[in-house]
Structure formats: C-alpha cells, structure tokens
PDB file of N, CA and C in Angstrom:
ATOM      1  N   UNK A   1       0.624  -1.489  -0.152  1.00  0.00           N
ATOM      2  CA  UNK A   1       0.056  -0.028   0.211  1.00  0.00           C
ATOM      3  C   UNK A   1       0.827   1.387  -0.054  1.00  0.00           C
ATOM      4  N   UNK A   2       1.966   1.376   0.511  1.00  0.00           N
ATOM      5  CA  UNK A   2       2.916   2.440   0.785  1.00  0.00           C
ATOM      6  C   UNK A   2       3.464   2.640  -0.317  1.00  0.00           C
ATOM      7  N   UNK A   3       3.855   1.438  -1.152  1.00  0.00           N
ATOM      8  CA  UNK A   3       4.272   1.648  -2.489  1.00  0.00           C
ATOM      9  C   UNK A   3       3.593   2.694  -3.433  1.00  0.00           C
ATOM     10  N   UNK A   4       2.693   2.042  -3.602  1.00  0.00           N
ATOM     11  CA  UNK A   4       1.398   2.464  -4.373  1.00  0.00           C
ATOM     12  C   UNK A   4       0.906   3.962  -4.114  1.00  0.00           C
ATOM     13  N   UNK A   5       0.752   4.369  -2.695  1.00  0.00           N
ATOM     14  CA  UNK A   5       1.203   5.986  -2.265  1.00  0.00           C
ATOM     15  C   UNK A   5       2.170   6.676  -2.752  1.00  0.00           C
ATOM     16  N   UNK A   6       3.548   5.891  -2.673  1.00  0.00           N
ATOM     17  CA  UNK A   6       4.862   7.017  -3.469  1.00  0.00           C
ATOM     18  C   UNK A   6       4.596   7.212  -4.763  1.00  0.00           C
ATOM     19  N   UNK A   7       4.151   5.917  -5.154  1.00  0.00           N
ATOM     20  CA  UNK A   7       4.141   6.382  -6.721  1.00  0.00           C
ATOM     21  C   UNK A   7       3.261   7.513  -7.136  1.00  0.00           C
ATOM     22  N   UNK A   8       2.180   7.309  -6.670  1.00  0.00           N
ATOM     23  CA  UNK A   8       1.038   8.189  -6.957  1.00  0.00           C
ATOM     24  C   UNK A   8       1.515   9.647  -6.351  1.00  0.00           C
ATOM     25  N   UNK A   9       2.066   9.822  -5.152  1.00  0.00           N
ATOM     26  CA  UNK A   9       2.815  11.086  -4.972  1.00  0.00           C
ATOM     27  C   UNK A   9       3.975  11.618  -5.893  1.00  0.00           C
ATOM     28  N   UNK A  10       4.285  10.634  -5.986  1.00  0.00           N
ATOM     29  CA  UNK A  10       5.599  11.284  -7.076  1.00  0.00           C
ATOM     30  C   UNK A  10       5.020  11.738  -8.466  1.00  0.00           C
ATOM     31  N   UNK A  11       4.118  10.963  -8.891  1.00  0.00           N
ATOM     32  CA  UNK A  11       3.278  11.438 -10.437  1.00  0.00           C
ATOM     33  C   UNK A  11       2.477  12.874  -9.932  1.00  0.00           C
ATOM     34  N   UNK A  12       2.169  13.036  -8.820  1.00  0.00           N
ATOM     35  CA  UNK A  12       1.364  14.145  -8.717  1.00  0.00           C
ATOM     36  C   UNK A  12       2.346  15.460  -8.597  1.00  0.00           C
ATOM     37  N   UNK A  13       3.562  15.138  -7.692  1.00  0.00           N
ATOM     38  CA  UNK A  13       4.398  16.177  -7.693  1.00  0.00           C
ATOM     39  C   UNK A  13       4.911  16.444  -9.021  1.00  0.00           C
ATOM     40  N   UNK A  14       5.277  15.198  -9.898  1.00  0.00           N
ATOM     41  CA  UNK A  14       5.675  15.491 -11.780  1.00  0.00           C
ATOM     42  C   UNK A  14       5.037  16.201 -12.162  1.00  0.00           C
ATOM     43  N   UNK A  15       3.496  16.148 -12.115  1.00  0.00           N
ATOM     44  CA  UNK A  15       2.251  16.865 -12.614  1.00  0.00           C
ATOM     45  C   UNK A  15       2.153  18.259 -12.183  1.00  0.00           C
ATOM     46  N   UNK A  16       2.243  18.662 -10.972  1.00  0.00           N
ATOM     47  CA  UNK A  16       1.834  20.563 -10.275  1.00  0.00           C
ATOM     48  C   UNK A  16       3.469  20.875 -10.415  1.00  0.00           C
ATOM     49  N   UNK A  17       4.664  20.240 -10.273  1.00  0.00           N
ATOM     50  CA  UNK A  17       5.967  20.836 -10.071  1.00  0.00           C
ATOM     51  C   UNK A  17       6.111  21.691  -9.283  1.00  0.00           C
ATOM     52  N   UNK A  18       5.458  21.932  -8.318  1.00  0.00           N
ATOM     53  CA  UNK A  18       5.361  22.709  -6.913  1.00  0.00           C
ATOM     54  C   UNK A  18       4.216  23.060  -6.075  1.00  0.00           C
ATOM     55  N   UNK A  19       4.383  23.440  -5.283  1.00  0.00           N
ATOM     56  CA  UNK A  19       2.872  23.672  -4.195  1.00  0.00           C
ATOM     57  C   UNK A  19       2.813  25.545  -4.302  1.00  0.00           C
ATOM     58  N   UNK A  20       1.481  25.534  -4.847  1.00  0.00           N
ATOM     59  CA  UNK A  20       0.819  26.563  -5.158  1.00  0.00           C
ATOM     60  C   UNK A  20      -0.057  27.774  -3.843  1.00  0.00           C
ATOM     61  N   UNK A  21      -0.033  28.584  -3.550  1.00  0.00           N
ATOM     62  CA  UNK A  21      -0.697  29.043  -2.364  1.00  0.00           C
ATOM     63  C   UNK A  21      -0.948  30.965  -2.477  1.00  0.00           C
ATOM     64  N   UNK A  22      -1.493  31.012  -2.717  1.00  0.00           N
ATOM     65  CA  UNK A  22      -2.501  32.548  -2.652  1.00  0.00           C
ATOM     66  C   UNK A  22      -2.421  33.225  -1.041  1.00  0.00           C
ATOM     67  N   UNK A  23      -1.758  34.673  -1.475  1.00  0.00           N
ATOM     68  CA  UNK A  23      -1.777  35.373  -0.399  1.00  0.00           C
ATOM     69  C   UNK A  23      -2.433  37.155  -0.808  1.00  0.00           C
ATOM     70  N   UNK A  24      -3.008  37.519   0.550  1.00  0.00           N
ATOM     71  CA  UNK A  24      -3.864  38.420   0.454  1.00  0.00           C
ATOM     72  C   UNK A  24      -3.151  40.074   1.141  1.00  0.00           C
ATOM     73  N   UNK A  25      -3.034  40.859   0.180  1.00  0.00           N
ATOM     74  CA  UNK A  25      -1.885  42.273   0.584  1.00  0.00           C
ATOM     75  C   UNK A  25      -2.941  43.438   0.836  1.00  0.00           C
ATOM     76  N   UNK A  26      -3.203  43.820   1.731  1.00  0.00           N
ATOM     77  CA  UNK A  26      -3.596  45.239   1.903  1.00  0.00           C
ATOM     78  C   UNK A  26      -3.011  46.468   1.527  1.00  0.00           C
ATOM     79  N   UNK A  27      -3.414  46.646   0.364  1.00  0.00           N
ATOM     80  CA  UNK A  27      -2.965  48.090  -0.322  1.00  0.00           C
ATOM     81  C   UNK A  27      -3.558  49.636  -0.633  1.00  0.00           C
ATOM     82  N   UNK A  28      -4.506  49.474  -0.125  1.00  0.00           N
ATOM     83  CA  UNK A  28      -5.171  50.692   0.369  1.00  0.00           C
ATOM     84  C   UNK A  28      -6.130  50.557   1.538  1.00  0.00           C
ATOM     85  N   UNK A  29      -6.353  51.447   2.361  1.00  0.00           N
ATOM     86  CA  UNK A  29      -7.039  51.830   3.140  1.00  0.00           C
ATOM     87  C   UNK A  29      -7.154  53.102   3.487  1.00  0.00           C
ATOM     88  N   UNK A  30      -8.592  53.322   3.096  1.00  0.00           N
ATOM     89  CA  UNK A  30      -9.056  54.587   3.325  1.00  0.00           C
ATOM     90  C   UNK A  30      -9.952  54.927   3.867  1.00  0.00           C
ATOM     91  N   UNK A  31     -10.294  55.289   5.380  1.00  0.00           N
ATOM     92  CA  UNK A  31     -12.006  55.023   6.077  1.00  0.00           C
ATOM     93  C   UNK A  31     -12.504  54.012   5.946  1.00  0.00           C
ATOM     94  N   UNK A  32     -13.350  53.611   5.310  1.00  0.00           N
ATOM     95  CA  UNK A  32     -14.323  52.345   4.806  1.00  0.00           C
ATOM     96  C   UNK A  32     -13.806  51.641   3.445  1.00  0.00           C
ATOM     97  N   UNK A  33     -12.877  52.394   2.984  1.00  0.00           N
ATOM     98  CA  UNK A  33     -12.587  52.029   1.751  1.00  0.00           C
ATOM     99  C   UNK A  33     -11.580  50.760   1.844  1.00  0.00           C
ATOM    100  N   UNK A  34     -11.349  49.772   1.657  1.00  0.00           N
ATOM    101  CA  UNK A  34     -10.159  49.330   1.327  1.00  0.00           C
ATOM    102  C   UNK A  34      -9.669  48.101   0.084  1.00  0.00           C
ATOM    103  N   UNK A  35      -8.858  48.123  -0.112  1.00  0.00           N
ATOM    104  CA  UNK A  35      -8.383  47.573  -1.162  1.00  0.00           C
ATOM    105  C   UNK A  35      -7.088  46.315  -0.856  1.00  0.00           C
ATOM    106  N   UNK A  36      -7.204  45.172  -1.706  1.00  0.00           N
ATOM    107  CA  UNK A  36      -6.722  44.250  -1.148  1.00  0.00           C
ATOM    108  C   UNK A  36      -6.003  43.631  -2.883  1.00  0.00           C
ATOM    109  N   UNK A  37      -4.737  42.996  -2.890  1.00  0.00           N
ATOM    110  CA  UNK A  37      -4.308  42.725  -3.705  1.00  0.00           C
ATOM    111  C   UNK A  37      -3.704  40.788  -3.424  1.00  0.00           C
ATOM    112  N   UNK A  38      -4.318  40.135  -4.442  1.00  0.00           N
ATOM    113  CA  UNK A  38      -4.133  38.572  -4.511  1.00  0.00           C
ATOM    114  C   UNK A  38      -2.399  38.608  -5.179  1.00  0.00           C
ATOM    115  N   UNK A  39      -1.423  37.363  -4.097  1.00  0.00           N
ATOM    116  CA  UNK A  39      -0.318  37.229  -4.492  1.00  0.00           C
ATOM    117  C   UNK A  39      -0.620  36.142  -5.013  1.00  0.00           C
ATOM    118  N   UNK A  40       0.269  34.894  -6.300  1.00  0.00           N
ATOM    119  CA  UNK A  40       0.105  33.628  -6.043  1.00  0.00           C
ATOM    120  C   UNK A  40       1.397  33.355  -6.636  1.00  0.00           C
ATOM    121  N   UNK A  41       2.065  32.396  -5.081  1.00  0.00           N
ATOM    122  CA  UNK A  41       3.082  32.299  -4.624  1.00  0.00           C
ATOM    123  C   UNK A  41       3.386  30.727  -5.406  1.00  0.00           C
ATOM    124  N   UNK A  42       4.598  29.757  -5.758  1.00  0.00           N
ATOM    125  CA  UNK A  42       4.709  28.926  -5.915  1.00  0.00           C
ATOM    126  C   UNK A  42       6.107  28.166  -5.096  1.00  0.00           C
ATOM    127  N   UNK A  43       6.259  27.547  -4.706  1.00  0.00           N
ATOM    128  CA  UNK A  43       7.306  26.754  -3.682  1.00  0.00           C
ATOM    129  C   UNK A  43       7.731  25.660  -5.023  1.00  0.00           C
ATOM    130  N   UNK A  44       8.833  25.854  -5.829  1.00  0.00           N
ATOM    131  CA  UNK A  44       8.844  24.499  -6.579  1.00  0.00           C
ATOM    132  C   UNK A  44       9.372  23.338  -5.770  1.00  0.00           C
ATOM    133  N   UNK A  45       9.117  22.160  -6.540  1.00  0.00           N
ATOM    134  CA  UNK A  45       9.753  20.840  -5.981  1.00  0.00           C
ATOM    135  C   UNK A  45      10.465  19.974  -6.455  1.00  0.00           C
ATOM    136  N   UNK A  46      11.704  20.192  -6.342  1.00  0.00           N
ATOM    137  CA  UNK A  46      12.855  19.824  -6.994  1.00  0.00           C
ATOM    138  C   UNK A  46      12.775  18.168  -7.584  1.00  0.00           C
ATOM    139  N   UNK A  47      13.333  17.878  -8.514  1.00  0.00           N
ATOM    140  CA  UNK A  47      12.755  16.703  -9.485  1.00  0.00           C
ATOM    141  C   UNK A  47      13.513  15.566  -8.934  1.00  0.00           C
ATOM    142  N   UNK A  48      14.684  15.844  -8.022  1.00  0.00           N
ATOM    143  CA  UNK A  48      14.651  14.640  -7.058  1.00  0.00           C
ATOM    144  C   UNK A  48      14.178  13.691  -6.124  1.00  0.00           C
ATOM    145  N   UNK A  49      12.836  15.203  -5.469  1.00  0.00           N
ATOM    146  CA  UNK A  49      12.026  14.439  -4.620  1.00  0.00           C
ATOM    147  C   UNK A  49      11.163  13.559  -5.520  1.00  0.00           C
ATOM    148  N   UNK A  50      10.581  13.721  -6.624  1.00  0.00           N
ATOM    149  CA  UNK A  50       9.742  13.087  -7.198  1.00  0.00           C
ATOM    150  C   UNK A  50      10.305  11.770  -7.790  1.00  0.00           C
ATOM    151  N   UNK A  51      11.523  11.866  -8.127  1.00  0.00           N
ATOM    152  CA  UNK A  51      12.341  10.431  -8.616  1.00  0.00           C
ATOM    153  C   UNK A  51      12.549   9.489  -7.418  1.00  0.00           C
ATOM    154  N   UNK A  52      12.684  10.149  -6.144  1.00  0.00           N
ATOM    155  CA  UNK A  52      12.624   9.390  -4.894  1.00  0.00           C
ATOM    156  C   UNK A  52      11.846   9.022  -4.671  1.00  0.00           C
ATOM    157  N   UNK A  53      10.476   9.605  -4.656  1.00  0.00           N
ATOM    158  CA  UNK A  53       8.956   8.645  -4.474  1.00  0.00           C
ATOM    159  C   UNK A  53       8.690   7.498  -5.313  1.00  0.00           C
ATOM    160  N   UNK A  54       8.963   8.224  -6.496  1.00  0.00           N
ATOM    161  CA  UNK A  54       8.689   7.067  -7.540  1.00  0.00           C
ATOM    162  C   UNK A  54       9.576   5.650  -7.470  1.00  0.00           C
ATOM    163  N   UNK A  55      11.256   6.013  -7.377  1.00  0.00           N
ATOM    164  CA  UNK A  55      11.692   4.621  -7.148  1.00  0.00           C
ATOM    165  C   UNK A  55      11.448   4.172  -5.984  1.00  0.00           C
ATOM    166  N   UNK A  56      11.152   4.552  -4.675  1.00  0.00           N
ATOM    167  CA  UNK A  56      10.872   4.084  -3.359  1.00  0.00           C
ATOM    168  C   UNK A  56       9.742   3.390  -3.510  1.00  0.00           C
ATOM    169  N   UNK A  57       8.810   3.863  -4.092  1.00  0.00           N
ATOM    170  CA  UNK A  57       7.576   3.435  -4.421  1.00  0.00           C
ATOM    171  C   UNK A  57       7.786   2.300  -5.391  1.00  0.00           C
ATOM    172  N   UNK A  58       8.471   1.736  -6.205  1.00  0.00           N
ATOM    173  CA  UNK A  58       8.780   0.544  -7.481  1.00  0.00           C
ATOM    174  C   UNK A  58       9.559  -0.297  -6.639  1.00  0.00           C
ATOM    175  N   UNK A  59      10.271  -0.053  -5.698  1.00  0.00           N
ATOM    176  CA  UNK A  59      11.352  -0.738  -4.585  1.00  0.00           C
ATOM    177  C   UNK A  59      10.550  -1.360  -3.987  1.00  0.00           C
ATOM    178  N   UNK A  60       9.713  -0.680  -3.238  1.00  0.00           N
ATOM    179  CA  UNK A  60       8.466  -1.572  -2.318  1.00  0.00           C
ATOM    180  C   UNK A  60       8.029  -2.655  -2.820  1.00  0.00           C
ATOM    181  N   UNK A  61       7.289  -2.421  -3.985  1.00  0.00           N
ATOM    182  CA  UNK A  61       6.472  -2.846  -4.740  1.00  0.00           C
ATOM    183  C   UNK A  61       6.944  -4.511  -4.939  1.00  0.00           C
ATOM    184  N   UNK A  62       8.114  -4.448  -5.642  1.00  0.00           N
ATOM    185  CA  UNK A  62       8.882  -5.302  -6.241  1.00  0.00           C
ATOM    186  C   UNK A  62       9.739  -6.203  -4.836  1.00  0.00           C
ATOM    187  N   UNK A  63       9.939  -5.225  -3.683  1.00  0.00           N
ATOM    188  CA  UNK A  63      10.255  -6.455  -2.193  1.00  0.00           C
ATOM    189  C   UNK A  63       9.192  -7.539  -1.999  1.00  0.00           C
ATOM    190  N   UNK A  64       7.786  -6.353  -2.136  1.00  0.00           N
ATOM    191  CA  UNK A  64       6.623  -6.968  -1.959  1.00  0.00           C
ATOM    192  C   UNK A  64       6.167  -8.307  -2.220  1.00  0.00           C
ATOM    193  N   UNK A  65       6.439  -8.140  -4.155  1.00  0.00           N
ATOM    194  CA  UNK A  65       6.308  -9.420  -4.547  1.00  0.00           C
ATOM    195  C   UNK A  65       7.220 -10.125  -4.730  1.00  0.00           C
ATOM    196  N   UNK A  66       8.389 -10.141  -4.264  1.00  0.00           N
ATOM    197  CA  UNK A  66       9.492 -11.143  -3.658  1.00  0.00           C
ATOM    198  C   UNK A  66       9.004 -12.029  -2.475  1.00  0.00           C
ATOM    199  N   UNK A  67       8.253 -11.336  -1.723  1.00  0.00           N
ATOM    200  CA  UNK A  67       8.342 -11.786  -0.147  1.00  0.00           C
ATOM    201  C   UNK A  67       7.014 -12.785  -0.761  1.00  0.00           C
ATOM    202  N   UNK A  68       6.049 -12.863  -1.117  1.00  0.00           N
ATOM    203  CA  UNK A  68       4.593 -13.041  -1.953  1.00  0.00           C
ATOM    204  C   UNK A  68       4.722 -14.357  -2.285  1.00  0.00           C
TER     205      UNK A  68
END
C-alpha cells in the first residue's frame, strides 16, 4: 500500500511541479474603503524528490512481490 502511495505522490508532484498558494495584501486603506491584492506564490519541488518517491514506491512493490 505504501509503495502505491509513493508512486502516486511522485506522479502528482511531477504533474504540478510545485505547491501553489495565494496571499492577500492590503494595498489601500482609506476609512471604509479597502483595497486588497492577491499574490500567487509557488514553491517549486525539486525533481529529485519526485524521482525518489517513484523509485521508492517501485522498490517497495518489487520487494513485496518477492516476499509473496
């Protein structure tokens, strides 16, 4: 089960290539009038992490197959 989860995480990390989040900043504050700005930030995931998850998942599946 863990091997399959690692493979799925590796594939998902490869597809999205990072973690994206949104921040809100207040840029204008005049009495009752407020203006905000949305900023989209991305934290890139190194390809090494994707590869390690895929290789680890495959290795676990192979090891499990030899035990059975």
